[in-house]
Each structure stands twice: as C-alpha cells, then as structure tokens.
Amino acid sequence: MDSLDHRILDQLRENARAGYGDIGSVVGLSASAVKRRVDRLVGDGVIQGFTIKVDPAVEDRGTEAWVELYCRGTVSPDELRTLLDSVP
C-alpha cells in the first residue's frame, strides 16, 4: 500500500459511493487507475466490504444491547433493579 492507496481509502471512507472519476480527481489518478487500485485492495482483503448507514428511526429501530452484570456477594433482583433504574 502506498500513499495513493491510503488517499483512496480516505475518499471511500467519506463516501463509499463516490465515482472512480471523482476519487481520481482528488488523488490525481484517472478513473481506470482508481478502479484497478480499488479492485486490488478488495482482492488483497484490505477492503473487506461495503456498507451503508441507515437512520434507525426510518425502520423503527432503536439501539439494542446485551449487557451481562457480575455482582459480588448476594444481590437480590429487587436491589439490582433499584440500582439500575437510574441508568438510561
């Protein structure tokens, strides 16, 4: 990987849908040269996938997490619930 590869990755991080020509104009390469480099980065496993970010509200999804708690000593479920009620 050279500095041009890093600059291409920076551009893809900002906008993964950017066209090769748009990226090339920023990094100083032709669209075909950018495409060859992106293909090589994908082939070498440097780029491991492409993704999108979706507003969770659009699909009625909130934040969900699994949390595991370890307690020292004996803590009753009611006592634990009281302690955790203040946590958003």
PDB file of N, CA and C in Angstrom:
ATOM      1  N   MET A   1       0.851  -1.182   0.000  1.00  0.00           N
ATOM      2  CA  MET A   1       0.000   0.000   0.000  1.00  0.00           C
ATOM      3  C   MET A   1       0.887   1.232   0.000  1.00  0.00           C
ATOM      4  N   ASP A   2       0.541   2.166  -0.854  1.00  0.00           N
ATOM      5  CA  ASP A   2       1.283   3.414  -0.885  1.00  0.00           C
ATOM      6  C   ASP A   2       0.361   4.559  -0.488  1.00  0.00           C
ATOM      7  N   SER A   3       0.890   5.766  -0.570  1.00  0.00           N
ATOM      8  CA  SER A   3       0.110   6.932  -0.129  1.00  0.00           C
ATOM      9  C   SER A   3      -1.142   7.132  -0.977  1.00  0.00           C
ATOM     10  N   LEU A   4      -1.087   6.775  -2.264  1.00  0.00           N
ATOM     11  CA  LEU A   4      -2.287   6.900  -3.103  1.00  0.00           C
ATOM     12  C   LEU A   4      -3.383   5.942  -2.635  1.00  0.00           C
ATOM     13  N   ASP A   5      -2.987   4.718  -2.277  1.00  0.00           N
ATOM     14  CA  ASP A   5      -3.980   3.770  -1.748  1.00  0.00           C
ATOM     15  C   ASP A   5      -4.632   4.322  -0.483  1.00  0.00           C
ATOM     16  N   HIS A   6      -3.827   4.892   0.388  1.00  0.00           N
ATOM     17  CA  HIS A   6      -4.374   5.471   1.626  1.00  0.00           C
ATOM     18  C   HIS A   6      -5.320   6.628   1.317  1.00  0.00           C
ATOM     19  N   ARG A   7      -4.970   7.430   0.338  1.00  0.00           N
ATOM     20  CA  ARG A   7      -5.844   8.556  -0.033  1.00  0.00           C
ATOM     21  C   ARG A   7      -7.146   8.060  -0.649  1.00  0.00           C
ATOM     22  N   ILE A   8      -7.065   6.982  -1.431  1.00  0.00           N
ATOM     23  CA  ILE A   8      -8.279   6.391  -2.000  1.00  0.00           C
ATOM     24  C   ILE A   8      -9.164   5.859  -0.878  1.00  0.00           C
ATOM     25  N   LEU A   9      -8.560   5.172   0.083  1.00  0.00           N
ATOM     26  CA  LEU A   9      -9.338   4.670   1.226  1.00  0.00           C
ATOM     27  C   LEU A   9      -9.993   5.818   1.985  1.00  0.00           C
ATOM     28  N   ASP A  10      -9.266   6.922   2.160  1.00  0.00           N
ATOM     29  CA  ASP A  10      -9.847   8.089   2.837  1.00  0.00           C
ATOM     30  C   ASP A  10     -11.076   8.590   2.087  1.00  0.00           C
ATOM     31  N   GLN A  11     -10.986   8.652   0.765  1.00  0.00           N
ATOM     32  CA  GLN A  11     -12.122   9.110  -0.036  1.00  0.00           C
ATOM     33  C   GLN A  11     -13.303   8.148   0.082  1.00  0.00           C
ATOM     34  N   LEU A  12     -13.023   6.848   0.072  1.00  0.00           N
ATOM     35  CA  LEU A  12     -14.096   5.862   0.193  1.00  0.00           C
ATOM     36  C   LEU A  12     -14.733   5.889   1.582  1.00  0.00           C
ATOM     37  N   ARG A  13     -13.931   6.204   2.601  1.00  0.00           N
ATOM     38  CA  ARG A  13     -14.495   6.329   3.954  1.00  0.00           C
ATOM     39  C   ARG A  13     -15.470   7.505   4.013  1.00  0.00           C
ATOM     40  N   GLU A  14     -15.146   8.581   3.313  1.00  0.00           N
ATOM     41  CA  GLU A  14     -16.040   9.753   3.304  1.00  0.00           C
ATOM     42  C   GLU A  14     -17.303   9.475   2.506  1.00  0.00           C
ATOM     43  N   ASN A  15     -17.158   8.764   1.380  1.00  0.00           N
ATOM     44  CA  ASN A  15     -18.312   8.487   0.536  1.00  0.00           C
ATOM     45  C   ASN A  15     -18.030   7.228  -0.272  1.00  0.00           C
ATOM     46  N   ALA A  16     -18.516   6.102   0.205  1.00  0.00           N
ATOM     47  CA  ALA A  16     -18.262   4.821  -0.462  1.00  0.00           C
ATOM     48  C   ALA A  16     -18.922   4.747  -1.833  1.00  0.00           C
ATOM     49  N   ARG A  17     -19.823   5.660  -2.131  1.00  0.00           N
ATOM     50  CA  ARG A  17     -20.500   5.668  -3.427  1.00  0.00           C
ATOM     51  C   ARG A  17     -19.837   6.613  -4.419  1.00  0.00           C
ATOM     52  N   ALA A  18     -18.743   7.251  -4.030  1.00  0.00           N
ATOM     53  CA  ALA A  18     -18.064   8.180  -4.925  1.00  0.00           C
ATOM     54  C   ALA A  18     -17.618   7.446  -6.186  1.00  0.00           C
ATOM     55  N   GLY A  19     -17.733   8.113  -7.302  1.00  0.00           N
ATOM     56  CA  GLY A  19     -17.299   7.523  -8.564  1.00  0.00           C
ATOM     57  C   GLY A  19     -15.784   7.492  -8.658  1.00  0.00           C
ATOM     58  N   TYR A  20     -15.293   6.563  -9.446  1.00  0.00           N
ATOM     59  CA  TYR A  20     -13.845   6.460  -9.614  1.00  0.00           C
ATOM     60  C   TYR A  20     -13.252   7.757 -10.162  1.00  0.00           C
ATOM     61  N   GLY A  21     -13.971   8.405 -11.063  1.00  0.00           N
ATOM     62  CA  GLY A  21     -13.502   9.681 -11.610  1.00  0.00           C
ATOM     63  C   GLY A  21     -13.428  10.763 -10.550  1.00  0.00           C
ATOM     64  N   ASP A  22     -14.431  10.796  -9.658  1.00  0.00           N
ATOM     65  CA  ASP A  22     -14.436  11.781  -8.580  1.00  0.00           C
ATOM     66  C   ASP A  22     -13.260  11.539  -7.635  1.00  0.00           C
ATOM     67  N   ILE A  23     -13.020  10.288  -7.315  1.00  0.00           N
ATOM     68  CA  ILE A  23     -11.891   9.952  -6.434  1.00  0.00           C
ATOM     69  C   ILE A  23     -10.583  10.303  -7.135  1.00  0.00           C
ATOM     70  N   GLY A  24     -10.508   9.937  -8.420  1.00  0.00           N
ATOM     71  CA  GLY A  24      -9.294  10.212  -9.188  1.00  0.00           C
ATOM     72  C   GLY A  24      -8.958  11.682  -9.257  1.00  0.00           C
ATOM     73  N   SER A  25      -9.976  12.539  -9.355  1.00  0.00           N
ATOM     74  CA  SER A  25      -9.703  13.982  -9.421  1.00  0.00           C
ATOM     75  C   SER A  25      -9.130  14.502  -8.115  1.00  0.00           C
ATOM     76  N   VAL A  26      -9.442  13.850  -7.021  1.00  0.00           N
ATOM     77  CA  VAL A  26      -8.914  14.261  -5.718  1.00  0.00           C
ATOM     78  C   VAL A  26      -7.500  13.731  -5.511  1.00  0.00           C
ATOM     79  N   VAL A  27      -7.266  12.483  -5.910  1.00  0.00           N
ATOM     80  CA  VAL A  27      -5.967  11.855  -5.632  1.00  0.00           C
ATOM     81  C   VAL A  27      -4.980  11.977  -6.787  1.00  0.00           C
ATOM     82  N   GLY A  28      -5.436  12.476  -7.931  1.00  0.00           N
ATOM     83  CA  GLY A  28      -4.531  12.685  -9.057  1.00  0.00           C
ATOM     84  C   GLY A  28      -4.331  11.475  -9.946  1.00  0.00           C
ATOM     85  N   LEU A  29      -5.367  10.648 -10.094  1.00  0.00           N
ATOM     86  CA  LEU A  29      -5.303   9.473 -10.965  1.00  0.00           C
ATOM     87  C   LEU A  29      -6.504   9.470 -11.901  1.00  0.00           C
ATOM     88  N   SER A  30      -6.401   8.691 -12.972  1.00  0.00           N
ATOM     89  CA  SER A  30      -7.550   8.511 -13.860  1.00  0.00           C
ATOM     90  C   SER A  30      -8.560   7.589 -13.189  1.00  0.00           C
ATOM     91  N   ALA A  31      -9.783   7.616 -13.699  1.00  0.00           N
ATOM     92  CA  ALA A  31     -10.831   6.748 -13.151  1.00  0.00           C
ATOM     93  C   ALA A  31     -10.432   5.281 -13.271  1.00  0.00           C
ATOM     94  N   SER A  32      -9.842   4.899 -14.399  1.00  0.00           N
ATOM     95  CA  SER A  32      -9.464   3.496 -14.583  1.00  0.00           C
ATOM     96  C   SER A  32      -8.347   3.082 -13.626  1.00  0.00           C
ATOM     97  N   ALA A  33      -7.417   4.000 -13.339  1.00  0.00           N
ATOM     98  CA  ALA A  33      -6.345   3.686 -12.379  1.00  0.00           C
ATOM     99  C   ALA A  33      -6.913   3.512 -10.973  1.00  0.00           C
ATOM    100  N   VAL A  34      -7.897   4.349 -10.610  1.00  0.00           N
ATOM    101  CA  VAL A  34      -8.538   4.211  -9.295  1.00  0.00           C
ATOM    102  C   VAL A  34      -9.272   2.880  -9.223  1.00  0.00           C
ATOM    103  N   LYS A  35      -9.994   2.531 -10.290  1.00  0.00           N
ATOM    104  CA  LYS A  35     -10.724   1.260 -10.298  1.00  0.00           C
ATOM    105  C   LYS A  35      -9.768   0.087 -10.123  1.00  0.00           C
ATOM    106  N   ARG A  36      -8.650   0.092 -10.832  1.00  0.00           N
ATOM    107  CA  ARG A  36      -7.670  -1.003 -10.696  1.00  0.00           C
ATOM    108  C   ARG A  36      -7.174  -1.101  -9.261  1.00  0.00           C
ATOM    109  N   ARG A  37      -6.896   0.057  -8.651  1.00  0.00           N
ATOM    110  CA  ARG A  37      -6.404   0.050  -7.265  1.00  0.00           C
ATOM    111  C   ARG A  37      -7.482  -0.445  -6.302  1.00  0.00           C
ATOM    112  N   VAL A  38      -8.715   0.007  -6.484  1.00  0.00           N
ATOM    113  CA  VAL A  38      -9.803  -0.447  -5.607  1.00  0.00           C
ATOM    114  C   VAL A  38     -10.002  -1.952  -5.778  1.00  0.00           C
ATOM    115  N   ASP A  39      -9.993  -2.427  -7.014  1.00  0.00           N
ATOM    116  CA  ASP A  39     -10.127  -3.867  -7.251  1.00  0.00           C
ATOM    117  C   ASP A  39      -9.003  -4.636  -6.555  1.00  0.00           C
ATOM    118  N   ARG A  40      -7.772  -4.111  -6.622  1.00  0.00           N
ATOM    119  CA  ARG A  40      -6.646  -4.774  -5.972  1.00  0.00           C
ATOM    120  C   ARG A  40      -6.815  -4.751  -4.454  1.00  0.00           C
ATOM    121  N   LEU A  41      -7.280  -3.614  -3.913  1.00  0.00           N
ATOM    122  CA  LEU A  41      -7.492  -3.513  -2.464  1.00  0.00           C
ATOM    123  C   LEU A  41      -8.567  -4.498  -1.999  1.00  0.00           C
ATOM    124  N   VAL A  42      -9.589  -4.683  -2.807  1.00  0.00           N
ATOM    125  CA  VAL A  42     -10.621  -5.666  -2.483  1.00  0.00           C
ATOM    126  C   VAL A  42     -10.030  -7.073  -2.579  1.00  0.00           C
ATOM    127  N   GLY A  43      -9.318  -7.341  -3.664  1.00  0.00           N
ATOM    128  CA  GLY A  43      -8.722  -8.659  -3.868  1.00  0.00           C
ATOM    129  C   GLY A  43      -7.721  -9.044  -2.794  1.00  0.00           C
ATOM    130  N   ASP A  44      -6.967  -8.048  -2.301  1.00  0.00           N
ATOM    131  CA  ASP A  44      -5.971  -8.298  -1.254  1.00  0.00           C
ATOM    132  C   ASP A  44      -6.581  -8.364   0.137  1.00  0.00           C
ATOM    133  N   GLY A  45      -7.880  -8.100   0.243  1.00  0.00           N
ATOM    134  CA  GLY A  45      -8.546  -8.154   1.541  1.00  0.00           C
ATOM    135  C   GLY A  45      -8.389  -6.895   2.366  1.00  0.00           C
ATOM    136  N   VAL A  46      -7.817  -5.841   1.783  1.00  0.00           N
ATOM    137  CA  VAL A  46      -7.701  -4.576   2.508  1.00  0.00           C
ATOM    138  C   VAL A  46      -9.099  -3.986   2.692  1.00  0.00           C
ATOM    139  N   ILE A  47      -9.843  -3.917   1.599  1.00  0.00           N
ATOM    140  CA  ILE A  47     -11.253  -3.528   1.674  1.00  0.00           C
ATOM    141  C   ILE A  47     -12.030  -4.825   1.832  1.00  0.00           C
ATOM    142  N   GLN A  48     -12.707  -4.975   2.961  1.00  0.00           N
ATOM    143  CA  GLN A  48     -13.384  -6.233   3.272  1.00  0.00           C
ATOM    144  C   GLN A  48     -14.875  -6.198   3.009  1.00  0.00           C
ATOM    145  N   GLY A  49     -15.380  -5.074   2.572  1.00  0.00           N
ATOM    146  CA  GLY A  49     -16.795  -4.986   2.264  1.00  0.00           C
ATOM    147  C   GLY A  49     -17.224  -3.540   2.148  1.00  0.00           C
ATOM    148  N   PHE A  50     -18.414  -3.362   1.698  1.00  0.00           N
ATOM    149  CA  PHE A  50     -19.009  -2.039   1.574  1.00  0.00           C
ATOM    150  C   PHE A  50     -20.301  -2.065   2.366  1.00  0.00           C
ATOM    151  N   THR A  51     -20.671  -0.944   2.948  1.00  0.00           N
ATOM    152  CA  THR A  51     -21.847  -0.920   3.803  1.00  0.00           C
ATOM    153  C   THR A  51     -22.574   0.412   3.671  1.00  0.00           C
ATOM    154  N   ILE A  52     -23.722   0.475   4.277  1.00  0.00           N
ATOM    155  CA  ILE A  52     -24.484   1.713   4.322  1.00  0.00           C
ATOM    156  C   ILE A  52     -24.865   2.002   5.769  1.00  0.00           C
ATOM    157  N   LYS A  53     -25.158   3.254   6.037  1.00  0.00           N
ATOM    158  CA  LYS A  53     -25.698   3.652   7.336  1.00  0.00           C
ATOM    159  C   LYS A  53     -27.136   4.084   7.093  1.00  0.00           C
ATOM    160  N   VAL A  54     -28.043   3.528   7.867  1.00  0.00           N
ATOM    161  CA  VAL A  54     -29.459   3.851   7.728  1.00  0.00           C
ATOM    162  C   VAL A  54     -29.931   4.465   9.030  1.00  0.00           C
ATOM    163  N   ASP A  55     -30.706   5.526   8.931  1.00  0.00           N
ATOM    164  CA  ASP A  55     -31.284   6.160  10.111  1.00  0.00           C
ATOM    165  C   ASP A  55     -32.173   5.139  10.810  1.00  0.00           C
ATOM    166  N   PRO A  56     -31.851   4.762  12.064  1.00  0.00           N
ATOM    167  CA  PRO A  56     -32.648   3.752  12.770  1.00  0.00           C
ATOM    168  C   PRO A  56     -34.127   4.119  12.866  1.00  0.00           C
ATOM    169  N   ALA A  57     -34.451   5.391  12.912  1.00  0.00           N
ATOM    170  CA  ALA A  57     -35.846   5.813  13.042  1.00  0.00           C
ATOM    171  C   ALA A  57     -36.663   5.439  11.808  1.00  0.00           C
ATOM    172  N   VAL A  58     -36.015   5.348  10.652  1.00  0.00           N
ATOM    173  CA  VAL A  58     -36.726   5.019   9.416  1.00  0.00           C
ATOM    174  C   VAL A  58     -37.329   3.623   9.504  1.00  0.00           C
ATOM    175  N   GLU A  59     -36.629   2.721  10.145  1.00  0.00           N
ATOM    176  CA  GLU A  59     -37.105   1.348  10.256  1.00  0.00           C
ATOM    177  C   GLU A  59     -37.602   1.029  11.662  1.00  0.00           C
ATOM    178  N   ASP A  60     -37.901   2.053  12.431  1.00  0.00           N
ATOM    179  CA  ASP A  60     -38.376   1.891  13.801  1.00  0.00           C
ATOM    180  C   ASP A  60     -37.421   1.028  14.633  1.00  0.00           C
ATOM    181  N   ARG A  61     -36.140   1.240  14.440  1.00  0.00           N
ATOM    182  CA  ARG A  61     -35.145   0.505  15.218  1.00  0.00           C
ATOM    183  C   ARG A  61     -34.453   1.458  16.162  1.00  0.00           C
ATOM    184  N   GLY A  62     -34.342   1.059  17.373  1.00  0.00           N
ATOM    185  CA  GLY A  62     -33.593   1.827  18.344  1.00  0.00           C
ATOM    186  C   GLY A  62     -32.258   1.151  18.586  1.00  0.00           C
ATOM    187  N   THR A  63     -31.612   1.563  19.618  1.00  0.00           N
ATOM    188  CA  THR A  63     -30.360   0.927  19.991  1.00  0.00           C
ATOM    189  C   THR A  63     -30.666  -0.262  20.872  1.00  0.00           C
ATOM    190  N   GLU A  64     -30.029  -1.361  20.583  1.00  0.00           N
ATOM    191  CA  GLU A  64     -30.244  -2.569  21.365  1.00  0.00           C
ATOM    192  C   GLU A  64     -28.888  -3.108  21.791  1.00  0.00           C
ATOM    193  N   ALA A  65     -28.800  -3.554  23.013  1.00  0.00           N
ATOM    194  CA  ALA A  65     -27.545  -4.104  23.509  1.00  0.00           C
ATOM    195  C   ALA A  65     -27.829  -5.210  24.502  1.00  0.00           C
ATOM    196  N   TRP A  66     -26.936  -6.161  24.525  1.00  0.00           N
ATOM    197  CA  TRP A  66     -26.976  -7.208  25.544  1.00  0.00           C
ATOM    198  C   TRP A  66     -25.936  -6.841  26.578  1.00  0.00           C
ATOM    199  N   VAL A  67     -26.322  -6.874  27.836  1.00  0.00           N
ATOM    200  CA  VAL A  67     -25.427  -6.491  28.917  1.00  0.00           C
ATOM    201  C   VAL A  67     -25.394  -7.629  29.924  1.00  0.00           C
ATOM    202  N   GLU A  68     -24.193  -7.969  30.351  1.00  0.00           N
ATOM    203  CA  GLU A  68     -24.047  -9.003  31.369  1.00  0.00           C
ATOM    204  C   GLU A  68     -23.451  -8.358  32.612  1.00  0.00           C
ATOM    205  N   LEU A  69     -24.086  -8.584  33.748  1.00  0.00           N
ATOM    206  CA  LEU A  69     -23.639  -7.997  35.001  1.00  0.00           C
ATOM    207  C   LEU A  69     -23.097  -9.079  35.925  1.00  0.00           C
ATOM    208  N   TYR A  70     -22.016  -8.756  36.596  1.00  0.00           N
ATOM    209  CA  TYR A  70     -21.450  -9.639  37.604  1.00  0.00           C
ATOM    210  C   TYR A  70     -21.549  -8.918  38.938  1.00  0.00           C
ATOM    211  N   CYS A  71     -22.112  -9.572  39.907  1.00  0.00           N
ATOM    212  CA  CYS A  71     -22.290  -8.964  41.226  1.00  0.00           C
ATOM    213  C   CYS A  71     -21.442  -9.712  42.250  1.00  0.00           C
ATOM    214  N   ARG A  72     -20.833  -8.942  43.132  1.00  0.00           N
ATOM    215  CA  ARG A  72     -20.095  -9.551  44.241  1.00  0.00           C
ATOM    216  C   ARG A  72     -21.055  -9.731  45.412  1.00  0.00           C
ATOM    217  N   GLY A  73     -20.952 -10.846  46.041  1.00  0.00           N
ATOM    218  CA  GLY A  73     -21.825 -11.085  47.178  1.00  0.00           C
ATOM    219  C   GLY A  73     -23.224 -11.431  46.710  1.00  0.00           C
ATOM    220  N   THR A  74     -24.158 -11.228  47.589  1.00  0.00           N
ATOM    221  CA  THR A  74     -25.547 -11.550  47.298  1.00  0.00           C
ATOM    222  C   THR A  74     -26.313 -10.256  47.033  1.00  0.00           C
ATOM    223  N   VAL A  75     -26.859 -10.168  45.839  1.00  0.00           N
ATOM    224  CA  VAL A  75     -27.669  -9.003  45.470  1.00  0.00           C
ATOM    225  C   VAL A  75     -29.011  -9.526  44.991  1.00  0.00           C
ATOM    226  N   SER A  76     -30.066  -9.051  45.608  1.00  0.00           N
ATOM    227  CA  SER A  76     -31.393  -9.518  45.210  1.00  0.00           C
ATOM    228  C   SER A  76     -31.796  -8.838  43.899  1.00  0.00           C
ATOM    229  N   PRO A  77     -32.672  -9.466  43.131  1.00  0.00           N
ATOM    230  CA  PRO A  77     -33.153  -8.843  41.891  1.00  0.00           C
ATOM    231  C   PRO A  77     -33.777  -7.466  42.128  1.00  0.00           C
ATOM    232  N   ASP A  78     -34.527  -7.308  43.234  1.00  0.00           N
ATOM    233  CA  ASP A  78     -35.143  -6.010  43.526  1.00  0.00           C
ATOM    234  C   ASP A  78     -34.083  -4.946  43.800  1.00  0.00           C
ATOM    235  N   GLU A  79     -33.043  -5.340  44.522  1.00  0.00           N
ATOM    236  CA  GLU A  79     -31.954  -4.414  44.832  1.00  0.00           C
ATOM    237  C   GLU A  79     -31.225  -4.006  43.541  1.00  0.00           C
ATOM    238  N   LEU A  80     -31.002  -4.962  42.669  1.00  0.00           N
ATOM    239  CA  LEU A  80     -30.335  -4.701  41.401  1.00  0.00           C
ATOM    240  C   LEU A  80     -31.185  -3.785  40.528  1.00  0.00           C
ATOM    241  N   ARG A  81     -32.490  -4.040  40.473  1.00  0.00           N
ATOM    242  CA  ARG A  81     -33.392  -3.206  39.687  1.00  0.00           C
ATOM    243  C   ARG A  81     -33.362  -1.758  40.199  1.00  0.00           C
ATOM    244  N   THR A  82     -33.355  -1.573  41.512  1.00  0.00           N
ATOM    245  CA  THR A  82     -33.289  -0.234  42.099  1.00  0.00           C
ATOM    246  C   THR A  82     -32.005   0.473  41.686  1.00  0.00           C
ATOM    247  N   LEU A  83     -30.911  -0.239  41.724  1.00  0.00           N
ATOM    248  CA  LEU A  83     -29.627   0.346  41.313  1.00  0.00           C
ATOM    249  C   LEU A  83     -29.604   0.721  39.832  1.00  0.00           C
ATOM    250  N   LEU A  84     -30.240  -0.106  39.006  1.00  0.00           N
ATOM    251  CA  LEU A  84     -30.191   0.113  37.556  1.00  0.00           C
ATOM    252  C   LEU A  84     -31.262   1.057  37.032  1.00  0.00           C
ATOM    253  N   ASP A  85     -32.249   1.386  37.847  1.00  0.00           N
ATOM    254  CA  ASP A  85     -33.319   2.290  37.404  1.00  0.00           C
ATOM    255  C   ASP A  85     -32.786   3.652  36.974  1.00  0.00           C
ATOM    256  N   SER A  86     -31.663   4.064  37.538  1.00  0.00           N
ATOM    257  CA  SER A  86     -31.124   5.380  37.203  1.00  0.00           C
ATOM    258  C   SER A  86     -30.304   5.365  35.917  1.00  0.00           C
ATOM    259  N   VAL A  87     -30.048   4.199  35.368  1.00  0.00           N
ATOM    260  CA  VAL A  87     -29.265   4.084  34.132  1.00  0.00           C
ATOM    261  C   VAL A  87     -30.205   4.197  32.933  1.00  0.00           C
ATOM    262  N   PRO A  88     -29.937   5.147  32.033  1.00  0.00           N
ATOM    263  CA  PRO A  88     -30.847   5.293  30.885  1.00  0.00           C
ATOM    264  C   PRO A  88     -30.797   4.076  29.956  1.00  0.00           C
TER     265      PRO A  88
END
